[in-house]
Amino acid sequence: MRFRVAILASGSGTTAEAFIRACQRGDIACEVGLVIVSRSDAGIIRRIADLNEEYGLNIPCEVINSKTHPAAEGEDVKPGRQTRAEETAILEMLKAGNFDLIAQMGYMKHTGARIVHEFGWRPEYESIYQAMMVNTHPGLLPQTEGLHGDQIQQYVLDNKLRSGGQTLHVVANGYDDGPVVAEHTVPVEPDDTAETLFARVQKVEKQYLPGDIEAFIKTRRDYNKEHGA
């Protein structure tokens, strides 16, 4: 049995590529059934096309953003937020895909409340395994909450923290404030820059993320069986 995963992304797609290659090597019992991208110029689009050709896959890669699904007249959309039409399109596509998990891998937009309610963390939940939407964050939480990329690593250095790291957490309504699923620390070295620390964090992310995602899906499946969900 292979678990079906949908990926949401915005950037170059190196993490998604590492995950797909782990699937193809048989390291994990997963397959990617859909990639949703928020930027039409994102490098992940070309990357998925190349992986499809290399492995004989047919992973759909759909661009959904405020240009493909613009705001309605009079709709007030804050920067970095999804339009209502954009949120609806993503929600419908995810619901139709019969996925075991939805994973954000460098998705830079704030996830709409309806998507979070359907797949992510709800305050009334008693277990993280009631949710099925996770995000990988290149920092330890909560101290790097709301930061991204090199900002996180610069924060670690500026505040003389002993470690950076990578966190897998459930997606909630606030930025990076969902319950933690797994985290991996990356010690700061004396000569580190934001760039060198980030490179090591990304290496750790690619190493552990596939196994952490598979473990989450398996435990979630067992939880649902036990609780009749």
Protein backbone atom coordinates (compact mmCIF):
# COMPACT_ATOMS: atom_id res chain seq x y z
CA MET A 1 0.00 0.00 0.00
CA ARG A 2 1.33 3.40 -0.98
CA PHE A 3 0.07 6.55 0.70
CA ARG A 4 -1.05 9.41 -1.53
CA VAL A 5 0.46 12.82 -0.76
CA ALA A 6 -0.34 16.24 -2.21
CA ILE A 7 2.33 18.95 -2.09
CA LEU A 8 1.86 22.72 -1.90
CA ALA A 9 4.91 24.76 -2.87
CA SER A 10 6.06 28.17 -4.08
CA GLY A 11 9.80 28.00 -4.80
CA SER A 12 12.51 25.92 -6.41
CA GLY A 13 11.13 22.58 -5.26
CA THR A 14 14.33 20.95 -4.01
CA THR A 15 12.56 19.57 -0.94
CA ALA A 16 9.70 18.21 -3.04
CA GLU A 17 12.25 16.62 -5.38
CA ALA A 18 14.02 14.93 -2.47
CA PHE A 19 10.68 13.62 -1.25
CA ILE A 20 9.68 12.27 -4.68
CA ARG A 21 13.06 10.60 -5.14
CA ALA A 22 12.67 8.95 -1.72
CA CYS A 23 9.31 7.62 -2.92
CA GLN A 24 10.83 6.31 -6.14
CA ARG A 25 13.73 4.64 -4.36
CA GLY A 26 11.27 2.81 -2.15
CA ASP A 27 12.58 4.47 1.01
CA ILE A 28 8.99 5.27 1.97
CA ALA A 29 5.63 3.80 0.94
CA CYS A 30 4.31 7.06 -0.51
CA GLU A 31 3.52 8.59 -3.88
CA VAL A 32 2.87 12.18 -4.87
CA GLY A 33 -0.47 12.59 -6.59
CA LEU A 34 -0.59 16.36 -7.01
CA VAL A 35 1.57 19.47 -6.72
CA ILE A 36 -0.11 22.87 -6.30
CA VAL A 37 2.13 25.88 -6.92
CA SER A 38 1.44 29.49 -5.96
CA ARG A 39 3.85 31.12 -8.45
CA SER A 40 3.80 30.65 -12.20
CA ASP A 41 7.59 31.20 -12.37
CA ALA A 42 8.45 28.79 -9.55
CA GLY A 43 11.32 26.43 -10.29
CA ILE A 44 9.35 23.47 -8.98
CA ILE A 45 7.24 23.45 -12.15
CA ARG A 46 10.24 22.54 -14.32
CA ARG A 47 11.52 20.20 -11.62
CA ILE A 48 8.28 18.18 -11.55
CA ALA A 49 8.25 17.99 -15.35
CA ASP A 50 11.81 16.61 -15.28
CA LEU A 51 10.95 14.08 -12.57
CA ASN A 52 7.88 12.96 -14.51
CA GLU A 53 10.09 12.32 -17.54
CA GLU A 54 12.88 10.65 -15.57
CA TYR A 55 10.65 8.21 -13.72
CA GLY A 56 7.75 7.86 -16.14
CA LEU A 57 5.42 9.58 -13.68
CA ASN A 58 2.37 11.70 -14.32
CA ILE A 59 2.31 14.06 -11.33
CA PRO A 60 -0.02 16.98 -12.12
CA CYS A 61 1.48 20.39 -11.32
CA GLU A 62 -1.21 23.05 -11.05
CA VAL A 63 -0.62 26.80 -10.67
CA ILE A 64 -3.29 28.33 -8.44
CA ASN A 65 -2.86 31.91 -7.28
CA SER A 66 -4.53 35.31 -7.22
CA LYS A 67 -3.91 35.74 -10.96
CA THR A 68 -5.49 32.45 -11.98
CA HIS A 69 -8.27 33.00 -9.43
CA PRO A 70 -8.56 36.76 -8.82
CA ALA A 71 -10.39 38.45 -6.00
CA ALA A 72 -14.06 39.27 -6.43
CA GLU A 73 -15.11 42.86 -6.78
CA GLY A 74 -14.89 44.51 -3.37
CA GLU A 75 -12.96 41.63 -1.81
CA ASP A 76 -10.17 42.84 0.48
CA VAL A 77 -7.16 40.51 0.20
CA LYS A 78 -4.13 41.22 2.38
CA PRO A 79 -0.63 40.57 0.98
CA GLY A 80 0.35 36.92 1.20
CA ARG A 81 -3.24 35.75 1.61
CA GLN A 82 -5.31 33.64 -0.74
CA THR A 83 -8.28 35.09 -2.57
CA ARG A 84 -11.54 33.37 -1.81
CA ALA A 85 -11.62 31.93 -5.34
CA GLU A 86 -8.04 30.71 -4.98
CA GLU A 87 -8.82 29.10 -1.64
CA THR A 88 -11.92 27.43 -3.09
CA ALA A 89 -10.00 26.04 -6.07
CA ILE A 90 -7.29 24.55 -3.84
CA LEU A 91 -9.84 23.16 -1.41
CA GLU A 92 -11.85 21.46 -4.14
CA MET A 93 -8.77 19.98 -5.79
CA LEU A 94 -7.50 18.57 -2.49
CA LYS A 95 -10.87 17.14 -1.53
CA ALA A 96 -11.20 15.45 -4.91
CA GLY A 97 -7.79 13.79 -4.69
CA ASN A 98 -8.45 11.29 -1.90
CA PHE A 99 -5.09 12.04 -0.28
CA ASP A 100 -3.67 10.54 2.89
CA LEU A 101 -1.72 13.73 3.65
CA ILE A 102 -1.20 17.25 2.36
CA ALA A 103 2.31 18.61 2.84
CA GLN A 104 3.43 22.19 2.45
CA MET A 105 7.03 22.28 1.26
CA GLY A 106 8.04 25.90 0.87
CA TYR A 107 4.50 27.15 0.35
CA MET A 108 4.73 30.87 1.03
CA LYS A 109 1.08 31.91 1.18
CA HIS A 110 -1.09 31.95 4.27
CA THR A 111 -3.43 28.96 4.10
CA GLY A 112 -7.10 29.90 3.98
CA ALA A 113 -9.29 29.18 6.99
CA ARG A 114 -11.59 26.81 5.09
CA ILE A 115 -8.64 24.68 3.98
CA VAL A 116 -7.29 24.60 7.53
CA HIS A 117 -10.71 23.64 8.89
CA GLU A 118 -10.99 20.78 6.39
CA PHE A 119 -7.46 19.38 6.68
CA GLY A 120 -5.46 21.16 9.36
CA TRP A 121 -5.59 21.81 13.08
CA ARG A 122 -8.82 22.65 14.89
CA PRO A 123 -8.85 23.89 18.50
CA GLU A 124 -11.24 21.12 19.49
CA TYR A 125 -8.91 18.35 18.33
CA GLU A 126 -7.42 16.10 21.00
CA SER A 127 -4.65 14.64 18.85
CA ILE A 128 -2.41 15.87 16.05
CA TYR A 129 -3.44 12.76 14.13
CA GLN A 130 -6.92 14.14 13.62
CA ALA A 131 -5.33 16.59 11.16
CA MET A 132 -3.89 15.68 7.77
CA MET A 133 -2.05 18.82 6.64
CA VAL A 134 1.55 19.53 7.66
CA ASN A 135 4.22 22.10 6.91
CA THR A 136 8.00 21.88 6.99
CA HIS A 137 9.66 24.91 8.58
CA PRO A 138 13.45 25.52 8.41
CA GLY A 139 13.74 26.53 12.05
CA LEU A 140 12.84 25.45 15.55
CA LEU A 141 9.48 26.54 16.91
CA PRO A 142 8.18 28.64 18.51
CA GLN A 143 11.24 30.91 18.53
CA THR A 144 11.34 31.31 14.72
CA GLU A 145 7.58 31.51 14.24
CA GLY A 146 6.56 33.75 11.32
CA LEU A 147 10.06 33.91 9.79
CA HIS A 148 11.22 32.16 6.63
CA GLY A 149 14.38 31.16 4.77
CA ASP A 150 17.55 33.09 5.55
CA GLN A 151 15.57 35.29 7.98
CA ILE A 152 15.33 32.31 10.31
CA GLN A 153 19.03 31.53 10.21
CA GLN A 154 19.98 35.19 10.70
CA TYR A 155 17.68 35.31 13.72
CA VAL A 156 19.43 32.26 15.16
CA LEU A 157 22.85 33.88 14.68
CA ASP A 158 21.81 37.35 15.88
CA ASN A 159 20.34 35.90 19.06
CA LYS A 160 23.34 33.63 19.62
CA LEU A 161 21.20 30.51 19.78
CA ARG A 162 23.10 27.25 20.04
CA SER A 163 21.06 25.46 17.38
CA GLY A 164 18.92 25.99 14.34
CA GLY A 165 16.89 23.17 12.91
CA GLN A 166 13.90 21.91 10.98
CA THR A 167 10.37 21.40 12.26
CA LEU A 168 7.44 19.48 10.82
CA HIS A 169 4.19 20.82 12.25
CA VAL A 170 0.47 20.60 11.66
CA VAL A 171 -0.92 23.56 9.70
CA ALA A 172 -3.11 25.87 11.79
CA ASN A 173 -4.77 29.23 11.19
CA GLY A 174 -1.76 31.21 12.43
CA TYR A 175 1.68 31.20 10.83
CA ASP A 176 3.77 28.29 12.14
CA ASP A 177 1.67 27.83 15.28
CA GLY A 178 0.28 24.35 14.72
CA PRO A 179 1.36 21.45 16.95
CA VAL A 180 4.83 20.06 16.32
CA VAL A 181 5.07 16.63 14.70
CA ALA A 182 8.87 16.27 14.60
CA GLU A 183 11.95 18.45 14.90
CA HIS A 184 15.64 18.04 14.17
CA THR A 185 18.29 20.34 15.60
CA VAL A 186 21.29 21.63 13.66
CA PRO A 187 24.09 22.94 15.92
CA VAL A 188 25.47 26.38 15.09
CA GLU A 189 29.16 26.37 14.15
CA PRO A 190 31.50 29.24 15.12
CA ASP A 191 32.03 30.50 11.57
CA ASP A 192 28.43 30.09 10.41
CA THR A 193 26.68 32.62 8.21
CA ALA A 194 22.96 32.57 7.53
CA GLU A 195 23.71 30.89 4.21
CA THR A 196 25.91 28.11 5.58
CA LEU A 197 23.52 27.35 8.43
CA PHE A 198 20.57 27.33 6.03
CA ALA A 199 22.38 24.87 3.76
CA ARG A 200 22.84 22.42 6.63
CA VAL A 201 19.25 22.87 7.78
CA GLN A 202 18.03 22.10 4.26
CA LYS A 203 20.23 19.00 4.14
CA VAL A 204 18.70 17.76 7.40
CA GLU A 205 15.21 18.58 6.13
CA LYS A 206 15.70 16.50 2.99
CA GLN A 207 17.17 13.65 5.03
CA TYR A 208 14.39 13.35 7.61
CA LEU A 209 11.24 14.76 6.02
CA PRO A 210 10.26 11.69 3.96
CA GLY A 211 10.44 9.36 6.97
CA ASP A 212 8.70 11.84 9.26
CA ILE A 213 5.84 12.22 6.79
CA GLU A 214 5.45 8.46 6.31
CA ALA A 215 5.50 7.92 10.09
CA PHE A 216 2.83 10.59 10.57
CA ILE A 217 0.56 8.99 7.95
CA LYS A 218 0.97 5.52 9.44
CA THR A 219 0.25 6.73 12.98
CA ARG A 220 -2.69 8.75 11.74
CA ARG A 221 -4.11 5.67 10.02
CA ASP A 222 -3.77 3.65 13.23
CA TYR A 223 -5.34 6.46 15.26
CA ASN A 224 -8.34 6.62 12.94
CA LYS A 225 -8.81 2.85 13.07
CA GLU A 226 -8.70 2.90 16.85
CA HIS A 227 -11.17 5.78 17.09
CA GLY A 228 -13.44 4.68 14.25
CA ALA A 229 -12.77 7.78 12.17
